[in-house]
Amino acid sequence: MAEVLGTIGWWELRRFLYNGLVLLAGMTSLLLVERLADVPPGEDVVEPMAVLFFAFACNVCYTAGWSLEVLRITPATWRRLLFWAGTLLSMGVALLPGLLWAASAAYHGFVGR
């Protein structure tokens, strides 16, 4: 039981860092979309429920990290690799809308509208 609690503790101590990094990526993406999208005043750039769903889904996936370890599906030696791979993947997904808008704006800037 102590080993299970140690595993959960290791992951949960890093959840704040994970959420902070994903939040930073998501806010950067939202800022890019807000600046580049032609959205009428008073309209949302993104559906607020989508943001909440994404945050919930990220944390469900994060919990899978320690769940897989507790169930012995992944070895404890993979902890750091799984933590950083999952964090970077989540940050990439969060940044994707902003990067796509930036690429579109750059393309239309070069080619013209």
Protein backbone atom coordinates (compact mmCIF):
# COMPACT_ATOMS: atom_id res chain seq x y z
CA MET A 1 0.00 0.00 0.00
CA ALA A 2 2.88 2.38 0.76
CA GLU A 3 4.22 1.84 -2.76
CA VAL A 4 0.85 2.75 -4.29
CA LEU A 5 0.59 5.89 -2.16
CA GLY A 6 4.17 6.79 -3.10
CA THR A 7 3.34 6.43 -6.79
CA ILE A 8 0.19 8.54 -6.52
CA GLY A 9 2.05 11.10 -4.44
CA TRP A 10 4.84 11.39 -7.01
CA TRP A 11 2.33 12.14 -9.77
CA GLU A 12 0.09 14.41 -7.72
CA LEU A 13 3.03 16.56 -6.61
CA ARG A 14 3.61 17.35 -10.28
CA ARG A 15 -0.03 17.94 -11.27
CA PHE A 16 0.23 21.67 -10.48
CA LEU A 17 3.27 21.99 -12.78
CA TYR A 18 1.46 20.04 -15.50
CA ASN A 19 -1.67 22.16 -15.25
CA GLY A 20 0.36 25.37 -15.18
CA LEU A 21 2.30 24.46 -18.32
CA VAL A 22 -0.83 23.37 -20.19
CA LEU A 23 -2.62 26.53 -19.04
CA LEU A 24 0.26 28.67 -20.31
CA ALA A 25 0.14 26.92 -23.69
CA GLY A 26 -3.64 27.24 -23.86
CA MET A 27 -3.61 30.94 -22.96
CA THR A 28 -0.92 31.57 -25.59
CA SER A 29 -3.05 29.78 -28.16
CA LEU A 30 -6.19 31.70 -27.20
CA LEU A 31 -4.28 34.98 -27.39
CA LEU A 32 -3.03 34.13 -30.88
CA VAL A 33 -6.52 33.18 -32.06
CA GLU A 34 -8.03 36.31 -30.50
CA ARG A 35 -5.48 38.54 -32.23
CA LEU A 36 -5.67 36.82 -35.61
CA ALA A 37 -9.33 35.84 -35.93
CA ASP A 38 -11.85 38.24 -37.37
CA VAL A 39 -14.47 37.87 -34.64
CA PRO A 40 -17.26 40.41 -34.26
CA PRO A 41 -17.29 42.38 -30.98
CA GLY A 42 -19.18 40.60 -28.21
CA GLU A 43 -18.63 37.14 -29.72
CA ASP A 44 -16.50 34.46 -28.08
CA VAL A 45 -13.34 33.42 -29.86
CA VAL A 46 -13.85 29.90 -28.56
CA GLU A 47 -16.74 28.12 -26.89
CA PRO A 48 -16.15 28.34 -23.10
CA MET A 49 -17.50 24.81 -22.61
CA ALA A 50 -14.83 23.51 -24.99
CA VAL A 51 -12.13 25.04 -22.79
CA LEU A 52 -13.62 23.42 -19.68
CA PHE A 53 -13.93 20.06 -21.45
CA PHE A 54 -10.30 20.26 -22.59
CA ALA A 55 -9.11 21.00 -19.04
CA PHE A 56 -11.14 18.08 -17.70
CA ALA A 57 -9.88 15.73 -20.43
CA CYS A 58 -6.26 16.74 -19.77
CA ASN A 59 -6.62 15.88 -16.10
CA VAL A 60 -8.31 12.55 -16.85
CA CYS A 61 -5.36 11.68 -19.10
CA TYR A 62 -2.92 12.88 -16.43
CA THR A 63 -4.56 10.56 -13.91
CA ALA A 64 -4.01 7.71 -16.36
CA GLY A 65 -0.27 8.18 -15.78
CA TRP A 66 -0.33 7.05 -12.19
CA SER A 67 -3.23 4.66 -12.80
CA LEU A 68 -1.22 2.70 -15.35
CA GLU A 69 1.72 2.59 -12.99
CA VAL A 70 -0.38 1.42 -10.02
CA LEU A 71 -1.95 -1.30 -12.20
CA ARG A 72 1.59 -2.34 -13.23
CA ILE A 73 0.91 -1.70 -16.91
CA THR A 74 3.88 0.68 -17.07
CA PRO A 75 7.02 0.38 -14.95
CA ALA A 76 7.96 3.02 -12.39
CA THR A 77 11.17 3.68 -14.33
CA TRP A 78 9.04 5.30 -17.05
CA ARG A 79 7.62 7.96 -14.70
CA ARG A 80 9.65 10.92 -15.84
CA LEU A 81 9.40 9.95 -19.50
CA LEU A 82 5.60 9.57 -19.29
CA PHE A 83 5.23 12.78 -17.31
CA TRP A 84 7.19 14.91 -19.78
CA ALA A 85 5.84 13.17 -22.89
CA GLY A 86 2.27 13.66 -21.67
CA THR A 87 2.93 17.24 -20.66
CA LEU A 88 4.49 18.14 -24.01
CA LEU A 89 1.72 16.37 -25.91
CA SER A 90 -0.96 18.23 -23.94
CA MET A 91 0.84 21.53 -24.49
CA GLY A 92 1.07 20.78 -28.21
CA VAL A 93 -2.65 20.07 -28.43
CA ALA A 94 -3.39 23.27 -26.50
CA LEU A 95 -1.12 25.30 -28.83
CA LEU A 96 -2.46 23.78 -32.04
CA PRO A 97 -5.37 26.20 -32.68
CA GLY A 98 -3.13 29.23 -32.22
CA LEU A 99 -0.40 27.80 -34.40
CA LEU A 100 -2.90 26.95 -37.14
CA TRP A 101 -4.32 30.49 -37.05
CA ALA A 102 -0.79 31.93 -37.16
CA ALA A 103 0.13 29.72 -40.12
CA SER A 104 -3.08 30.71 -41.90
CA ALA A 105 -2.44 34.41 -41.26
CA ALA A 106 1.14 34.08 -42.51
CA TYR A 107 -0.01 32.24 -45.64
CA HIS A 108 -2.70 34.80 -46.41
CA GLY A 109 -0.22 37.58 -45.70
CA PHE A 110 2.18 36.19 -48.31
CA VAL A 111 -0.37 35.10 -50.90
CA GLY A 112 -2.94 37.80 -50.31
CA ARG A 113 -6.60 37.39 -49.55
